[in-house]
Amino acid sequence: MSDFETTRRSAPPLEAAPDGSRVRPLARLPGASVAEFELAPRQTSRAVAHRTIDEFWYVVAGRGELWRRQGAREETVTLEPGQCLTIPRGTAFQFRSQGAEALRVIGVSLPPWPGAGEAVIVEGPWASTA
């Protein structure tokens, strides 16, 4: 049986994510973790791929683009509030914030984020500024 966990979103971002965005860990259970990611206005993340986790993303603020590639399949999608998308394990991805507002995303990782070494830097379509 898992412990109950109740958290509150912290004011400043707490940690640097491997892709260069800022991350606020929010809660975790044995099978999943949830965090808020923030990319400053007009910034571009580093392109990465996850070794062992799948992710769901839900955009809560800002606007931008997400590039993702699985083998020969590749696409770029617009990010805007209310949009939900998946990043399956092993998918190369990169995102960028467009406009004057930071891009904020709630991410759910399955299984929970394991820590250092999970994200592998890969080649993406844009130069990173984060």
N, C-alpha and C. Protein backbone atom coordinates (compact mmCIF):
# COMPACT_ATOMS: atom_id res chain seq x y z
N MET A 1 0.84 -1.18 0.00
CA MET A 1 0.00 0.00 0.00
C MET A 1 0.89 1.25 0.00
N SER A 2 0.54 2.22 -0.81
CA SER A 2 1.31 3.47 -0.91
C SER A 2 0.84 4.48 0.12
N ASP A 3 1.76 5.36 0.49
CA ASP A 3 1.41 6.46 1.38
C ASP A 3 0.61 7.50 0.61
N PHE A 4 -0.27 8.21 1.34
CA PHE A 4 -0.94 9.36 0.75
C PHE A 4 0.10 10.47 0.58
N GLU A 5 -0.06 11.29 -0.45
CA GLU A 5 0.83 12.43 -0.65
C GLU A 5 -0.02 13.62 -1.05
N THR A 6 0.18 14.73 -0.38
CA THR A 6 -0.49 15.99 -0.71
C THR A 6 0.59 17.05 -0.83
N THR A 7 0.63 17.72 -1.98
CA THR A 7 1.66 18.74 -2.20
C THR A 7 1.02 20.02 -2.72
N ARG A 8 1.79 21.07 -2.69
CA ARG A 8 1.37 22.36 -3.24
C ARG A 8 2.45 22.81 -4.22
N ARG A 9 2.03 23.37 -5.32
CA ARG A 9 2.96 23.88 -6.32
C ARG A 9 3.83 24.95 -5.68
N SER A 10 5.13 24.82 -5.81
CA SER A 10 6.05 25.81 -5.26
C SER A 10 6.11 27.03 -6.18
N ALA A 11 6.48 28.15 -5.62
CA ALA A 11 6.54 29.39 -6.41
C ALA A 11 7.62 29.33 -7.49
N PRO A 12 8.91 29.17 -7.13
CA PRO A 12 9.91 29.10 -8.20
C PRO A 12 10.12 27.67 -8.67
N PRO A 13 10.56 27.48 -9.93
CA PRO A 13 10.93 26.13 -10.36
C PRO A 13 12.04 25.61 -9.44
N LEU A 14 12.01 24.34 -9.16
CA LEU A 14 12.95 23.79 -8.19
C LEU A 14 14.22 23.19 -8.78
N GLU A 15 14.13 22.59 -9.94
CA GLU A 15 15.26 21.85 -10.48
C GLU A 15 15.41 22.09 -11.97
N ALA A 16 16.62 21.88 -12.47
CA ALA A 16 16.85 21.92 -13.91
C ALA A 16 16.61 20.52 -14.46
N ALA A 17 15.80 20.42 -15.50
CA ALA A 17 15.56 19.14 -16.17
C ALA A 17 16.70 18.89 -17.17
N PRO A 18 16.96 17.65 -17.53
CA PRO A 18 18.03 17.35 -18.49
C PRO A 18 17.88 18.07 -19.83
N ASP A 19 16.65 18.40 -20.22
CA ASP A 19 16.44 19.09 -21.50
C ASP A 19 16.64 20.59 -21.40
N GLY A 20 16.90 21.13 -20.19
CA GLY A 20 17.14 22.56 -20.01
C GLY A 20 15.95 23.32 -19.48
N SER A 21 14.77 22.70 -19.45
CA SER A 21 13.61 23.36 -18.86
C SER A 21 13.74 23.32 -17.33
N ARG A 22 12.84 23.97 -16.64
CA ARG A 22 12.80 23.92 -15.18
C ARG A 22 11.66 23.00 -14.77
N VAL A 23 11.83 22.26 -13.69
CA VAL A 23 10.82 21.27 -13.29
C VAL A 23 10.46 21.44 -11.82
N ARG A 24 9.18 21.32 -11.55
CA ARG A 24 8.65 21.30 -10.18
C ARG A 24 8.05 19.92 -9.94
N PRO A 25 8.75 19.01 -9.24
CA PRO A 25 8.12 17.73 -8.91
C PRO A 25 6.89 17.98 -8.04
N LEU A 26 5.79 17.30 -8.32
CA LEU A 26 4.54 17.53 -7.60
C LEU A 26 4.12 16.35 -6.73
N ALA A 27 4.12 15.14 -7.26
CA ALA A 27 3.68 13.98 -6.48
C ALA A 27 4.19 12.72 -7.15
N ARG A 28 4.19 11.61 -6.37
CA ARG A 28 4.68 10.35 -6.92
C ARG A 28 4.03 9.17 -6.21
N LEU A 29 3.80 8.14 -6.97
CA LEU A 29 3.33 6.84 -6.48
C LEU A 29 4.27 5.77 -7.06
N PRO A 30 4.16 4.53 -6.63
CA PRO A 30 5.05 3.50 -7.19
C PRO A 30 4.96 3.37 -8.72
N GLY A 31 3.79 3.66 -9.31
CA GLY A 31 3.63 3.47 -10.75
C GLY A 31 3.75 4.71 -11.61
N ALA A 32 3.83 5.91 -11.01
CA ALA A 32 3.86 7.15 -11.80
C ALA A 32 4.33 8.32 -10.96
N SER A 33 4.77 9.38 -11.64
CA SER A 33 5.08 10.64 -10.98
C SER A 33 4.52 11.77 -11.84
N VAL A 34 4.27 12.91 -11.20
CA VAL A 34 3.74 14.07 -11.91
C VAL A 34 4.58 15.30 -11.55
N ALA A 35 4.83 16.14 -12.56
CA ALA A 35 5.64 17.34 -12.36
C ALA A 35 5.15 18.42 -13.31
N GLU A 36 5.51 19.65 -13.00
CA GLU A 36 5.25 20.77 -13.90
C GLU A 36 6.57 21.20 -14.52
N PHE A 37 6.59 21.32 -15.84
CA PHE A 37 7.77 21.77 -16.58
C PHE A 37 7.52 23.18 -17.08
N GLU A 38 8.56 23.99 -17.06
CA GLU A 38 8.43 25.37 -17.53
C GLU A 38 9.63 25.72 -18.41
N LEU A 39 9.34 26.29 -19.57
CA LEU A 39 10.38 26.76 -20.47
C LEU A 39 10.14 28.25 -20.67
N ALA A 40 11.15 29.06 -20.38
CA ALA A 40 11.03 30.51 -20.45
C ALA A 40 10.63 30.97 -21.85
N PRO A 41 10.06 32.18 -21.94
CA PRO A 41 9.65 32.70 -23.24
C PRO A 41 10.79 32.68 -24.26
N ARG A 42 10.44 32.25 -25.45
CA ARG A 42 11.35 32.22 -26.60
C ARG A 42 12.60 31.37 -26.38
N GLN A 43 12.50 30.34 -25.54
CA GLN A 43 13.61 29.42 -25.30
C GLN A 43 13.34 28.09 -26.00
N THR A 44 14.41 27.37 -26.29
CA THR A 44 14.33 26.06 -26.93
C THR A 44 15.09 25.05 -26.08
N SER A 45 14.44 23.94 -25.78
CA SER A 45 15.06 22.89 -24.97
C SER A 45 16.15 22.17 -25.75
N ARG A 46 16.89 21.32 -25.04
CA ARG A 46 17.78 20.37 -25.70
C ARG A 46 16.90 19.19 -26.16
N ALA A 47 17.28 18.56 -27.24
CA ALA A 47 16.57 17.37 -27.71
C ALA A 47 17.03 16.17 -26.88
N VAL A 48 16.07 15.37 -26.41
CA VAL A 48 16.37 14.21 -25.58
C VAL A 48 15.48 13.04 -25.97
N ALA A 49 15.82 11.87 -25.44
CA ALA A 49 14.97 10.68 -25.51
C ALA A 49 15.03 10.03 -24.13
N HIS A 50 13.93 9.48 -23.67
CA HIS A 50 13.89 8.80 -22.37
C HIS A 50 14.17 7.32 -22.55
N ARG A 51 14.96 6.77 -21.64
CA ARG A 51 15.35 5.37 -21.70
C ARG A 51 14.24 4.42 -21.27
N THR A 52 13.52 4.76 -20.16
CA THR A 52 12.63 3.77 -19.54
C THR A 52 11.21 4.25 -19.25
N ILE A 53 10.91 5.52 -19.50
CA ILE A 53 9.59 6.03 -19.13
C ILE A 53 8.77 6.46 -20.34
N ASP A 54 7.46 6.38 -20.20
CA ASP A 54 6.49 7.00 -21.11
C ASP A 54 6.00 8.26 -20.41
N GLU A 55 5.60 9.27 -21.19
CA GLU A 55 5.06 10.49 -20.58
C GLU A 55 3.78 10.94 -21.26
N PHE A 56 2.89 11.52 -20.44
CA PHE A 56 1.74 12.29 -20.91
C PHE A 56 2.06 13.74 -20.61
N TRP A 57 1.78 14.63 -21.53
CA TRP A 57 1.95 16.08 -21.31
C TRP A 57 0.60 16.75 -21.46
N TYR A 58 0.32 17.71 -20.58
CA TYR A 58 -0.87 18.55 -20.67
C TYR A 58 -0.41 20.00 -20.57
N VAL A 59 -0.66 20.78 -21.61
CA VAL A 59 -0.21 22.17 -21.67
C VAL A 59 -1.16 23.05 -20.87
N VAL A 60 -0.61 23.79 -19.89
CA VAL A 60 -1.43 24.65 -19.03
C VAL A 60 -1.27 26.14 -19.33
N ALA A 61 -0.16 26.54 -19.94
CA ALA A 61 0.05 27.97 -20.24
C ALA A 61 1.11 28.12 -21.32
N GLY A 62 1.05 29.23 -22.02
CA GLY A 62 2.02 29.54 -23.05
C GLY A 62 1.70 28.87 -24.38
N ARG A 63 2.60 29.09 -25.31
CA ARG A 63 2.46 28.51 -26.64
C ARG A 63 3.83 28.08 -27.12
N GLY A 64 3.84 27.10 -28.01
CA GLY A 64 5.11 26.64 -28.52
C GLY A 64 4.95 25.53 -29.52
N GLU A 65 6.02 24.78 -29.70
CA GLU A 65 6.04 23.65 -30.62
C GLU A 65 6.78 22.49 -29.98
N LEU A 66 6.38 21.28 -30.35
CA LEU A 66 7.04 20.06 -29.92
C LEU A 66 7.37 19.24 -31.15
N TRP A 67 8.65 18.86 -31.27
CA TRP A 67 9.08 17.94 -32.31
C TRP A 67 9.29 16.58 -31.64
N ARG A 68 8.84 15.52 -32.29
CA ARG A 68 9.08 14.17 -31.78
C ARG A 68 9.31 13.21 -32.94
N ARG A 69 10.20 12.22 -32.67
CA ARG A 69 10.57 11.25 -33.70
C ARG A 69 10.70 9.86 -33.08
N GLN A 70 10.08 8.89 -33.75
CA GLN A 70 10.19 7.46 -33.42
C GLN A 70 10.58 6.76 -34.69
N GLY A 71 11.81 6.30 -34.77
CA GLY A 71 12.26 5.64 -36.00
C GLY A 71 12.11 6.57 -37.19
N ALA A 72 11.39 6.13 -38.22
CA ALA A 72 11.19 6.93 -39.42
C ALA A 72 10.03 7.92 -39.29
N ARG A 73 9.21 7.76 -38.25
CA ARG A 73 8.05 8.65 -38.04
C ARG A 73 8.50 9.91 -37.30
N GLU A 74 8.13 11.08 -37.86
CA GLU A 74 8.57 12.35 -37.29
C GLU A 74 7.47 13.39 -37.49
N GLU A 75 7.27 14.25 -36.49
CA GLU A 75 6.27 15.31 -36.63
C GLU A 75 6.59 16.46 -35.69
N THR A 76 6.06 17.62 -36.03
CA THR A 76 6.12 18.81 -35.18
C THR A 76 4.68 19.25 -34.95
N VAL A 77 4.31 19.45 -33.68
CA VAL A 77 2.95 19.87 -33.34
C VAL A 77 2.99 21.19 -32.58
N THR A 78 1.94 21.96 -32.73
CA THR A 78 1.78 23.20 -31.99
C THR A 78 1.33 22.88 -30.57
N LEU A 79 1.91 23.59 -29.60
CA LEU A 79 1.52 23.43 -28.19
C LEU A 79 0.73 24.65 -27.77
N GLU A 80 -0.43 24.41 -27.14
CA GLU A 80 -1.27 25.49 -26.63
C GLU A 80 -2.08 24.97 -25.46
N PRO A 81 -2.53 25.87 -24.58
CA PRO A 81 -3.27 25.42 -23.39
C PRO A 81 -4.45 24.52 -23.74
N GLY A 82 -4.59 23.46 -22.94
CA GLY A 82 -5.67 22.50 -23.13
C GLY A 82 -5.29 21.30 -23.96
N GLN A 83 -4.11 21.32 -24.56
CA GLN A 83 -3.68 20.22 -25.41
C GLN A 83 -3.00 19.14 -24.57
N CYS A 84 -3.29 17.88 -24.89
CA CYS A 84 -2.68 16.73 -24.21
C CYS A 84 -2.01 15.86 -25.27
N LEU A 85 -0.81 15.34 -24.97
CA LEU A 85 -0.10 14.52 -25.94
C LEU A 85 0.74 13.47 -25.23
N THR A 86 1.25 12.52 -26.00
CA THR A 86 2.07 11.46 -25.44
C THR A 86 3.48 11.52 -26.00
N ILE A 87 4.41 11.08 -25.16
CA ILE A 87 5.80 10.89 -25.57
C ILE A 87 6.19 9.47 -25.14
N PRO A 88 6.01 8.51 -26.05
CA PRO A 88 6.33 7.12 -25.70
C PRO A 88 7.83 6.92 -25.44
N ARG A 89 8.14 5.97 -24.62
CA ARG A 89 9.53 5.59 -24.29
C ARG A 89 10.36 5.48 -25.55
N GLY A 90 11.57 6.06 -25.51
CA GLY A 90 12.49 5.99 -26.63
C GLY A 90 12.28 7.04 -27.70
N THR A 91 11.21 7.83 -27.61
CA THR A 91 10.93 8.87 -28.59
C THR A 91 11.90 10.04 -28.41
N ALA A 92 12.54 10.47 -29.48
CA ALA A 92 13.36 11.68 -29.45
C ALA A 92 12.39 12.87 -29.49
N PHE A 93 12.64 13.88 -28.64
CA PHE A 93 11.75 15.05 -28.67
C PHE A 93 12.48 16.31 -28.25
N GLN A 94 11.95 17.43 -28.70
CA GLN A 94 12.47 18.76 -28.37
C GLN A 94 11.30 19.71 -28.41
N PHE A 95 11.32 20.73 -27.55
CA PHE A 95 10.23 21.69 -27.55
C PHE A 95 10.76 23.10 -27.40
N ARG A 96 9.93 24.05 -27.83
CA ARG A 96 10.31 25.45 -27.72
C ARG A 96 9.10 26.30 -27.39
N SER A 97 9.39 27.36 -26.66
CA SER A 97 8.37 28.32 -26.23
C SER A 97 8.34 29.46 -27.24
N GLN A 98 7.15 29.84 -27.65
CA GLN A 98 7.00 30.94 -28.61
C GLN A 98 6.05 31.96 -28.01
N GLY A 99 6.47 33.20 -27.99
CA GLY A 99 5.63 34.24 -27.42
C GLY A 99 6.22 34.80 -26.14
N ALA A 100 5.47 35.70 -25.51
CA ALA A 100 5.96 36.43 -24.34
C ALA A 100 5.75 35.69 -23.03
N GLU A 101 4.97 34.62 -23.03
CA GLU A 101 4.66 33.88 -21.81
C GLU A 101 5.44 32.56 -21.77
N ALA A 102 5.88 32.16 -20.57
CA ALA A 102 6.55 30.87 -20.42
C ALA A 102 5.60 29.74 -20.82
N LEU A 103 6.15 28.69 -21.39
CA LEU A 103 5.40 27.49 -21.73
C LEU A 103 5.41 26.61 -20.49
N ARG A 104 4.22 26.24 -19.99
CA ARG A 104 4.11 25.40 -18.80
C ARG A 104 3.32 24.14 -19.14
N VAL A 105 3.85 23.00 -18.74
CA VAL A 105 3.28 21.70 -19.07
C VAL A 105 3.24 20.85 -17.80
N ILE A 106 2.14 20.15 -17.58
CA ILE A 106 2.08 19.14 -16.54
C ILE A 106 2.44 17.81 -17.21
N GLY A 107 3.42 17.13 -16.65
CA GLY A 107 3.87 15.86 -17.21
C GLY A 107 3.66 14.72 -16.23
N VAL A 108 3.15 13.60 -16.72
CA VAL A 108 3.00 12.39 -15.92
C VAL A 108 3.95 11.35 -16.50
N SER A 109 4.84 10.84 -15.67
CA SER A 109 5.83 9.84 -16.08
C SER A 109 5.44 8.47 -15.55
N LEU A 110 5.46 7.47 -16.45
CA LEU A 110 5.12 6.09 -16.11
C LEU A 110 6.24 5.17 -16.54
N PRO A 111 6.93 4.48 -15.68
CA PRO A 111 6.90 4.57 -14.22
C PRO A 111 7.44 5.91 -13.76
N PRO A 112 7.58 6.14 -12.45
CA PRO A 112 8.06 7.42 -11.96
C PRO A 112 9.44 7.78 -12.51
N TRP A 113 9.71 9.07 -12.58
CA TRP A 113 11.00 9.57 -13.04
C TRP A 113 12.10 8.94 -12.19
N PRO A 114 13.05 8.20 -12.81
CA PRO A 114 14.06 7.49 -12.03
C PRO A 114 15.27 8.32 -11.63
N GLY A 115 15.46 9.49 -12.26
CA GLY A 115 16.59 10.34 -11.88
C GLY A 115 17.65 10.43 -12.97
N ALA A 116 18.85 10.78 -12.53
CA ALA A 116 19.97 11.02 -13.45
C ALA A 116 20.17 9.83 -14.39
N GLY A 117 20.46 10.13 -15.63
CA GLY A 117 20.70 9.10 -16.63
C GLY A 117 19.49 8.67 -17.42
N GLU A 118 18.29 9.12 -17.01
CA GLU A 118 17.07 8.72 -17.74
C GLU A 118 17.00 9.36 -19.12
N ALA A 119 17.36 10.64 -19.21
CA ALA A 119 17.27 11.37 -20.48
C ALA A 119 18.62 11.32 -21.20
N VAL A 120 18.58 10.97 -22.47
CA VAL A 120 19.77 10.91 -23.31
C VAL A 120 19.68 12.05 -24.31
N ILE A 121 20.74 12.85 -24.41
CA ILE A 121 20.77 13.94 -25.38
C ILE A 121 20.85 13.35 -26.79
N VAL A 122 20.00 13.86 -27.70
CA VAL A 122 19.97 13.42 -29.09
C VAL A 122 20.01 14.64 -29.99
N GLU A 123 20.11 14.41 -31.27
CA GLU A 123 20.08 15.52 -32.22
C GLU A 123 18.66 15.90 -32.54
N GLY A 124 18.35 17.20 -32.46
CA GLY A 124 17.01 17.69 -32.77
C GLY A 124 17.04 18.69 -33.90
N PRO A 125 15.88 19.23 -34.27
CA PRO A 125 15.81 20.14 -35.41
C PRO A 125 16.23 21.58 -35.11
N TRP A 126 16.25 21.97 -33.82
CA TRP A 126 16.51 23.37 -33.47
C TRP A 126 17.73 23.49 -32.58
N ALA A 127 18.38 24.64 -32.64
CA ALA A 127 19.50 24.93 -31.73
C ALA A 127 18.93 25.21 -30.34
N SER A 128 19.51 24.59 -29.33
CA SER A 128 19.04 24.78 -27.95
C SER A 128 19.50 26.13 -27.40
N THR A 129 18.61 26.78 -26.65
CA THR A 129 18.95 28.03 -25.97
C THR A 129 18.75 27.91 -24.47
N ALA A 130 18.26 26.77 -24.00
CA ALA A 130 17.97 26.58 -22.57
C ALA A 130 19.21 26.13 -21.81
